[in-house]
Amino acid sequence: MKKITFVIFAIVLGIVLGGCTLVERFQQAEEQYLETRVVELLEEMPAEEPKLEPSLDTEMVAETAETVEAEVEEIETEEPEEPEETVEPEEEATPIPDPTATSQPEPTVESFDPGEYLGKPAWKDEFEVVKYWVFGADDFTVATLENGRMKLVAQTEEPGWRIASTNVLTDAYVEVEFDVGKCSSTDRYGIIFRVPEKVDYNQGYIFSVTCDGRYSLRLWDGIKKQSTWVKSYTASGAINDGSNQSNRLGVMTIENDIGLYVNGEKVDVIEDETFAAGYFGVYINRDKTDKLTVFVDNAKYWLNPTAK
């Protein structure tokens, strides 16, 4: 302030000494003072860097960059979800047909079982009703119908049988199923066939199997009370031996040839001309077991068979 006072005093003194008018001198002093004051103020003010106002585009870029950085940070902090595995169904490969290949029929297995290859039987009895057989008791056997089967029980050690009331057979295949109960050794059962047409049916061929797994063929003559071996006891693996077993027995007669079958398997062929025709029936003969019992089912026959 002393400096300012000095300046004002000098100006006034200059005006007086120069002989100028007071107003003119005062105006000159005021202008000089203002110039001097402006310089001082400029010297006292600190130097500041000019601020640049960001343009609109710069602000938008900055805001966008901040937004992107925030989203990136959020994505990096989140645990990525594992995508669910999708199992694509496997497409079955369609075979390409070979135009040169021709379809071949499947081979067929030839059967040697007469019960199969002879086709439909000419006669059969499934023992549903009493029709073709004589039931009851006699001196040798007891025959009853039980649960769709014939129950045949040996009364003595003498052979016994029941004859079916059918036509007389010449060339035929006869088949019968047997279920034996308790048995032992030479206890036996089977088919009697080519029984001559007589009242007592006391002649014919007897094909039987034993409990110990053997088969035989005999000629029976009840008039002479004698039995003649045509084929003596012979073991066969086709026979289901022992107690409580099942066996399907068959006899094929073509002229003088007699074919013997067990469970569809041919076990023997024998030639004999004693009896040429007759009836057939079922046979039982106990040897070791008291009250030897067999159950008979599915009796059948085919006419004019062909042997294989």
Protein backbone atom coordinates (compact mmCIF):
# COMPACT_ATOMS: atom_id res chain seq x y z
CA MET A 1 0.00 0.00 0.00
CA LYS A 2 2.92 2.42 0.69
CA LYS A 3 4.01 1.89 -2.79
CA ILE A 4 0.57 2.72 -4.14
CA THR A 5 0.39 5.90 -2.05
CA PHE A 6 3.75 6.96 -3.35
CA VAL A 7 2.65 6.46 -6.90
CA ILE A 8 -0.48 8.53 -6.39
CA PHE A 9 1.52 11.28 -4.76
CA ALA A 10 3.98 11.34 -7.60
CA ILE A 11 1.20 11.61 -10.12
CA VAL A 12 -0.42 14.55 -8.34
CA LEU A 13 2.91 16.27 -8.01
CA GLY A 14 3.59 15.76 -11.68
CA ILE A 15 0.26 17.29 -12.60
CA VAL A 16 0.86 20.37 -10.50
CA LEU A 17 4.40 20.83 -11.74
CA GLY A 18 3.52 20.29 -15.37
CA GLY A 19 0.85 22.91 -15.36
CA CYS A 20 -1.80 20.54 -16.77
CA THR A 21 -5.29 20.79 -15.80
CA LEU A 22 -6.41 18.78 -12.84
CA VAL A 23 -8.83 16.66 -14.82
CA GLU A 24 -6.42 15.76 -17.51
CA ARG A 25 -3.74 14.96 -15.04
CA PHE A 26 -6.13 12.90 -12.98
CA GLN A 27 -7.21 10.86 -16.02
CA GLN A 28 -3.65 10.19 -16.95
CA ALA A 29 -2.87 9.16 -13.40
CA GLU A 30 -5.87 6.82 -13.33
CA GLU A 31 -4.94 5.09 -16.58
CA GLN A 32 -1.34 4.68 -15.46
CA TYR A 33 -2.52 3.29 -12.14
CA LEU A 34 -4.78 0.73 -13.82
CA GLU A 35 -2.03 -0.46 -16.07
CA THR A 36 0.34 -0.78 -13.16
CA ARG A 37 -2.34 -2.65 -11.10
CA VAL A 38 -3.04 -5.09 -13.88
CA VAL A 39 0.62 -5.98 -14.14
CA GLU A 40 0.85 -6.53 -10.38
CA LEU A 41 -2.20 -8.71 -10.30
CA LEU A 42 -0.89 -10.81 -13.12
CA GLU A 43 2.36 -11.29 -11.30
CA GLU A 44 0.58 -12.31 -8.08
CA MET A 45 -1.68 -14.95 -9.73
CA PRO A 46 -0.27 -18.59 -9.83
CA ALA A 47 0.16 -20.17 -13.21
CA GLU A 48 -2.60 -22.80 -13.91
CA GLU A 49 -2.70 -25.39 -16.61
CA PRO A 50 -5.58 -24.84 -18.94
CA LYS A 51 -8.39 -27.36 -18.53
CA LEU A 52 -9.52 -28.98 -21.66
CA GLU A 53 -13.22 -29.80 -21.74
CA PRO A 54 -13.71 -33.27 -23.12
CA SER A 55 -15.75 -33.48 -26.20
CA LEU A 56 -18.96 -35.50 -26.33
CA ASP A 57 -17.28 -38.35 -28.20
CA THR A 58 -14.49 -38.59 -25.61
CA GLU A 59 -17.00 -38.83 -22.76
CA MET A 60 -18.98 -41.57 -24.50
CA VAL A 61 -15.81 -43.56 -25.19
CA ALA A 62 -14.75 -43.28 -21.56
CA GLU A 63 -18.16 -44.37 -20.25
CA THR A 64 -18.28 -47.31 -22.69
CA ALA A 65 -14.81 -48.41 -21.67
CA GLU A 66 -15.77 -48.30 -17.97
CA THR A 67 -18.93 -50.34 -18.68
CA VAL A 68 -17.00 -52.97 -20.64
CA GLU A 69 -14.36 -53.28 -17.93
CA ALA A 70 -17.07 -53.75 -15.28
CA GLU A 71 -18.81 -56.48 -17.34
CA VAL A 72 -15.49 -58.23 -17.98
CA GLU A 73 -14.70 -58.22 -14.25
CA GLU A 74 -18.19 -59.61 -13.48
CA ILE A 75 -17.80 -62.37 -16.07
CA GLU A 76 -14.33 -63.30 -14.80
CA THR A 77 -15.56 -63.57 -11.20
CA GLU A 78 -18.50 -65.85 -12.11
CA GLU A 79 -17.85 -69.60 -12.35
CA PRO A 80 -18.56 -70.82 -15.85
CA GLU A 81 -21.43 -73.24 -16.09
CA GLU A 82 -20.56 -76.59 -17.62
CA PRO A 83 -22.74 -77.26 -20.61
CA GLU A 84 -24.99 -80.30 -20.32
CA GLU A 85 -23.83 -83.17 -22.40
CA THR A 86 -26.30 -84.17 -25.03
CA VAL A 87 -26.16 -87.72 -26.24
CA GLU A 88 -26.93 -87.91 -29.84
CA PRO A 89 -28.80 -91.14 -30.72
CA GLU A 90 -26.69 -93.45 -32.75
CA GLU A 91 -28.09 -94.03 -36.13
CA GLU A 92 -28.23 -97.65 -37.11
CA ALA A 93 -26.36 -98.25 -40.21
CA THR A 94 -28.67 -99.47 -42.92
CA PRO A 95 -27.04 -102.35 -44.71
CA ILE A 96 -26.68 -101.79 -48.39
CA PRO A 97 -28.12 -104.78 -50.20
CA ASP A 98 -25.82 -106.52 -52.56
CA PRO A 99 -27.56 -106.55 -55.92
CA THR A 100 -25.59 -109.63 -56.94
CA ALA A 101 -26.59 -111.61 -53.84
CA THR A 102 -29.67 -113.82 -53.90
CA SER A 103 -31.57 -114.80 -50.77
CA GLN A 104 -30.97 -118.38 -49.76
CA PRO A 105 -33.60 -120.36 -47.82
CA GLU A 106 -32.60 -121.46 -44.35
CA PRO A 107 -31.58 -125.09 -44.30
CA THR A 108 -34.05 -127.43 -42.64
CA VAL A 109 -32.96 -130.26 -40.38
CA GLU A 110 -34.33 -133.59 -41.53
CA SER A 111 -36.18 -135.46 -38.81
CA PHE A 112 -35.90 -139.23 -38.38
CA ASP A 113 -38.61 -139.29 -35.69
CA PRO A 114 -41.71 -140.96 -37.25
CA GLY A 115 -43.92 -139.06 -34.82
CA GLU A 116 -42.73 -135.87 -36.56
CA TYR A 117 -42.07 -136.66 -40.21
CA LEU A 118 -45.19 -138.85 -40.76
CA GLY A 119 -47.48 -135.86 -40.19
CA LYS A 120 -51.00 -136.16 -38.83
CA PRO A 121 -51.84 -139.60 -37.43
CA ALA A 122 -54.74 -141.67 -38.78
CA TRP A 123 -55.92 -142.34 -35.24
CA LYS A 124 -55.14 -141.10 -31.73
CA ASP A 125 -56.46 -141.32 -28.19
CA GLU A 126 -55.52 -138.80 -25.50
CA PHE A 127 -57.52 -140.66 -22.82
CA GLU A 128 -59.91 -137.83 -22.11
CA VAL A 129 -62.85 -140.23 -22.00
CA VAL A 130 -63.39 -144.00 -21.91
CA LYS A 131 -63.77 -144.92 -25.56
CA TYR A 132 -61.27 -147.40 -27.06
CA TRP A 133 -60.12 -149.43 -24.05
CA VAL A 134 -61.58 -151.86 -21.53
CA PHE A 135 -61.11 -150.53 -18.00
CA GLY A 136 -61.47 -152.44 -14.76
CA ALA A 137 -59.70 -155.40 -13.17
CA ASP A 138 -58.88 -158.91 -14.41
CA ASP A 139 -56.58 -161.66 -13.17
CA PHE A 140 -53.42 -159.86 -14.38
CA THR A 141 -53.96 -156.09 -14.38
CA VAL A 142 -56.11 -153.23 -13.11
CA ALA A 143 -56.84 -150.38 -15.57
CA THR A 144 -58.42 -147.06 -14.54
CA LEU A 145 -58.79 -143.64 -16.14
CA GLU A 146 -57.13 -140.95 -14.00
CA ASN A 147 -56.50 -137.30 -14.94
CA GLY A 148 -56.49 -137.90 -18.69
CA ARG A 149 -54.29 -141.01 -18.56
CA MET A 150 -54.72 -144.76 -18.23
CA LYS A 151 -53.31 -146.11 -14.98
CA LEU A 152 -52.22 -149.72 -15.47
CA VAL A 153 -51.15 -151.80 -12.46
CA ALA A 154 -49.59 -155.29 -12.59
CA GLN A 155 -51.48 -157.70 -10.32
CA THR A 156 -49.18 -160.74 -10.67
CA GLU A 157 -45.83 -161.72 -12.12
CA GLU A 158 -47.61 -162.92 -15.27
CA PRO A 159 -47.65 -160.51 -18.26
CA GLY A 160 -50.80 -158.47 -18.74
CA TRP A 161 -52.16 -156.08 -21.41
CA ARG A 162 -55.09 -154.04 -22.65
CA ILE A 163 -56.02 -154.03 -26.33
CA ALA A 164 -57.36 -150.95 -28.16
CA SER A 165 -60.61 -151.38 -30.06
CA THR A 166 -59.43 -150.14 -33.47
CA ASN A 167 -59.17 -151.57 -36.94
CA VAL A 168 -56.80 -154.42 -37.69
CA LEU A 169 -53.42 -152.99 -38.69
CA THR A 170 -51.00 -154.38 -41.26
CA ASP A 171 -48.40 -151.79 -42.28
CA ALA A 172 -48.50 -149.07 -39.65
CA TYR A 173 -46.52 -147.06 -37.14
CA VAL A 174 -47.88 -147.30 -33.57
CA GLU A 175 -46.68 -144.94 -30.81
CA VAL A 176 -47.58 -144.69 -27.11
CA GLU A 177 -46.22 -142.59 -24.19
CA PHE A 178 -45.46 -144.28 -20.84
CA ASP A 179 -44.71 -142.82 -17.40
CA VAL A 180 -43.44 -145.46 -14.99
CA GLY A 181 -43.55 -145.15 -11.21
CA LYS A 182 -41.29 -147.02 -8.84
CA CYS A 183 -39.47 -149.84 -10.67
CA SER A 184 -36.33 -151.95 -10.59
CA SER A 185 -34.15 -154.14 -12.80
CA THR A 186 -36.25 -156.18 -15.27
CA ASP A 187 -39.63 -154.67 -14.42
CA ARG A 188 -40.90 -153.92 -17.93
CA TYR A 189 -43.66 -152.28 -20.01
CA GLY A 190 -44.36 -151.60 -23.69
CA ILE A 191 -46.51 -152.33 -26.75
CA ILE A 192 -48.15 -155.57 -27.84
CA PHE A 193 -48.94 -155.56 -31.60
CA ARG A 194 -50.09 -157.68 -34.53
CA VAL A 195 -52.37 -159.50 -32.13
CA PRO A 196 -54.46 -161.98 -34.22
CA GLU A 197 -58.21 -161.53 -34.23
CA LYS A 198 -59.20 -163.92 -31.49
CA VAL A 199 -61.48 -163.52 -28.49
CA ASP A 200 -58.75 -163.83 -25.86
CA TYR A 201 -56.09 -161.78 -27.69
CA ASN A 202 -53.47 -164.25 -26.47
CA GLN A 203 -50.90 -164.05 -29.27
CA GLY A 204 -48.70 -161.39 -30.85
CA TYR A 205 -45.39 -159.50 -30.66
CA ILE A 206 -44.32 -157.75 -27.43
CA PHE A 207 -41.88 -154.81 -27.60
CA SER A 208 -40.86 -153.72 -24.08
CA VAL A 209 -38.22 -151.71 -22.17
CA THR A 210 -36.89 -152.53 -18.72
CA CYS A 211 -36.31 -150.28 -15.74
CA ASP A 212 -32.55 -150.78 -16.10
CA GLY A 213 -32.51 -149.40 -19.69
CA ARG A 214 -32.80 -152.40 -22.04
CA TYR A 215 -35.25 -153.29 -24.80
CA SER A 216 -36.41 -156.63 -26.24
CA LEU A 217 -38.80 -158.18 -28.75
CA ARG A 218 -40.63 -161.42 -28.05
CA LEU A 219 -43.25 -163.63 -29.64
CA TRP A 220 -46.04 -164.48 -27.24
CA ASP A 221 -48.24 -167.54 -27.70
CA GLY A 222 -50.81 -167.76 -24.93
CA ILE A 223 -52.33 -170.90 -26.40
CA LYS A 224 -49.06 -172.77 -25.97
CA LYS A 225 -48.15 -170.76 -22.84
CA GLN A 226 -44.75 -169.90 -24.19
CA SER A 227 -42.62 -166.86 -25.06
CA THR A 228 -39.95 -166.83 -27.77
CA TRP A 229 -37.14 -164.28 -27.99
CA VAL A 230 -36.89 -162.47 -31.29
CA LYS A 231 -34.50 -159.89 -29.79
CA SER A 232 -33.10 -160.54 -26.31
CA TYR A 233 -32.41 -157.77 -23.80
CA THR A 234 -30.23 -155.08 -25.37
CA ALA A 235 -29.06 -151.88 -23.68
CA SER A 236 -29.85 -148.53 -25.34
CA GLY A 237 -28.95 -144.99 -24.43
CA ALA A 238 -32.25 -143.82 -25.94
CA ILE A 239 -34.13 -145.30 -22.96
CA ASN A 240 -34.75 -143.15 -19.87
CA ASP A 241 -33.99 -145.78 -17.26
CA GLY A 242 -34.90 -145.88 -13.56
CA SER A 243 -37.99 -145.05 -11.54
CA ASN A 244 -40.34 -142.16 -12.33
CA GLN A 245 -39.25 -141.84 -15.93
CA SER A 246 -41.05 -141.21 -19.23
CA ASN A 247 -40.48 -143.05 -22.50
CA ARG A 248 -42.23 -142.75 -25.85
CA LEU A 249 -42.20 -146.15 -27.56
CA GLY A 250 -42.98 -146.89 -31.21
CA VAL A 251 -43.25 -149.87 -33.54
CA MET A 252 -43.16 -149.61 -37.33
CA THR A 253 -44.34 -152.67 -39.30
CA ILE A 254 -43.77 -152.75 -43.05
CA GLU A 255 -44.46 -156.26 -44.39
CA ASN A 256 -42.00 -158.50 -42.45
CA ASP A 257 -39.77 -155.66 -41.19
CA ILE A 258 -40.32 -154.55 -37.61
CA GLY A 259 -38.72 -151.22 -36.63
CA LEU A 260 -38.34 -150.47 -32.90
CA TYR A 261 -38.24 -146.82 -31.68
CA VAL A 262 -37.54 -145.22 -28.30
CA ASN A 263 -38.22 -141.50 -27.85
CA GLY A 264 -38.20 -140.98 -31.63
CA GLU A 265 -34.91 -142.82 -32.16
CA LYS A 266 -34.75 -146.06 -34.14
CA VAL A 267 -32.96 -148.62 -31.96
CA ASP A 268 -33.42 -151.73 -34.12
CA VAL A 269 -35.01 -153.27 -37.21
CA ILE A 270 -35.90 -156.96 -37.10
CA GLU A 271 -37.33 -159.24 -39.78
CA ASP A 272 -40.00 -161.78 -38.78
CA GLU A 273 -43.03 -163.21 -40.57
CA THR A 274 -44.88 -164.97 -37.77
CA PHE A 275 -47.79 -162.53 -37.60
CA ALA A 276 -48.72 -160.36 -40.61
CA ALA A 277 -51.53 -158.24 -39.11
CA GLY A 278 -53.56 -157.65 -35.99
CA TYR A 279 -54.56 -155.29 -33.17
CA PHE A 280 -52.32 -153.41 -30.80
CA GLY A 281 -52.38 -152.61 -27.09
CA VAL A 282 -50.25 -151.74 -24.03
CA TYR A 283 -48.30 -154.27 -21.96
CA ILE A 284 -46.93 -154.54 -18.39
CA ASN A 285 -44.96 -157.26 -16.58
CA ARG A 286 -43.62 -156.91 -13.06
CA ASP A 287 -40.52 -158.79 -11.99
CA LYS A 288 -39.05 -157.04 -8.93
CA THR A 289 -41.61 -154.41 -7.86
CA ASP A 290 -44.94 -155.25 -6.26
CA LYS A 291 -47.84 -153.38 -7.88
CA LEU A 292 -45.69 -152.10 -10.73
CA THR A 293 -47.56 -149.10 -12.18
CA VAL A 294 -47.38 -147.23 -15.48
CA PHE A 295 -49.44 -144.32 -16.81
CA VAL A 296 -50.37 -144.47 -20.50
CA ASP A 297 -51.09 -141.43 -22.72
CA ASN A 298 -51.20 -140.21 -26.34
CA ALA A 299 -51.70 -143.49 -28.18
CA LYS A 300 -51.48 -142.99 -31.99
CA TYR A 301 -50.99 -144.79 -35.23
CA TRP A 302 -50.16 -143.88 -38.85
CA LEU A 303 -51.04 -146.10 -41.82
CA ASN A 304 -48.60 -147.18 -44.57
CA PRO A 305 -45.57 -145.43 -43.08
CA THR A 306 -42.24 -144.82 -44.76
CA ALA A 307 -39.10 -145.76 -42.85
CA LYS A 308 -36.03 -143.52 -42.74
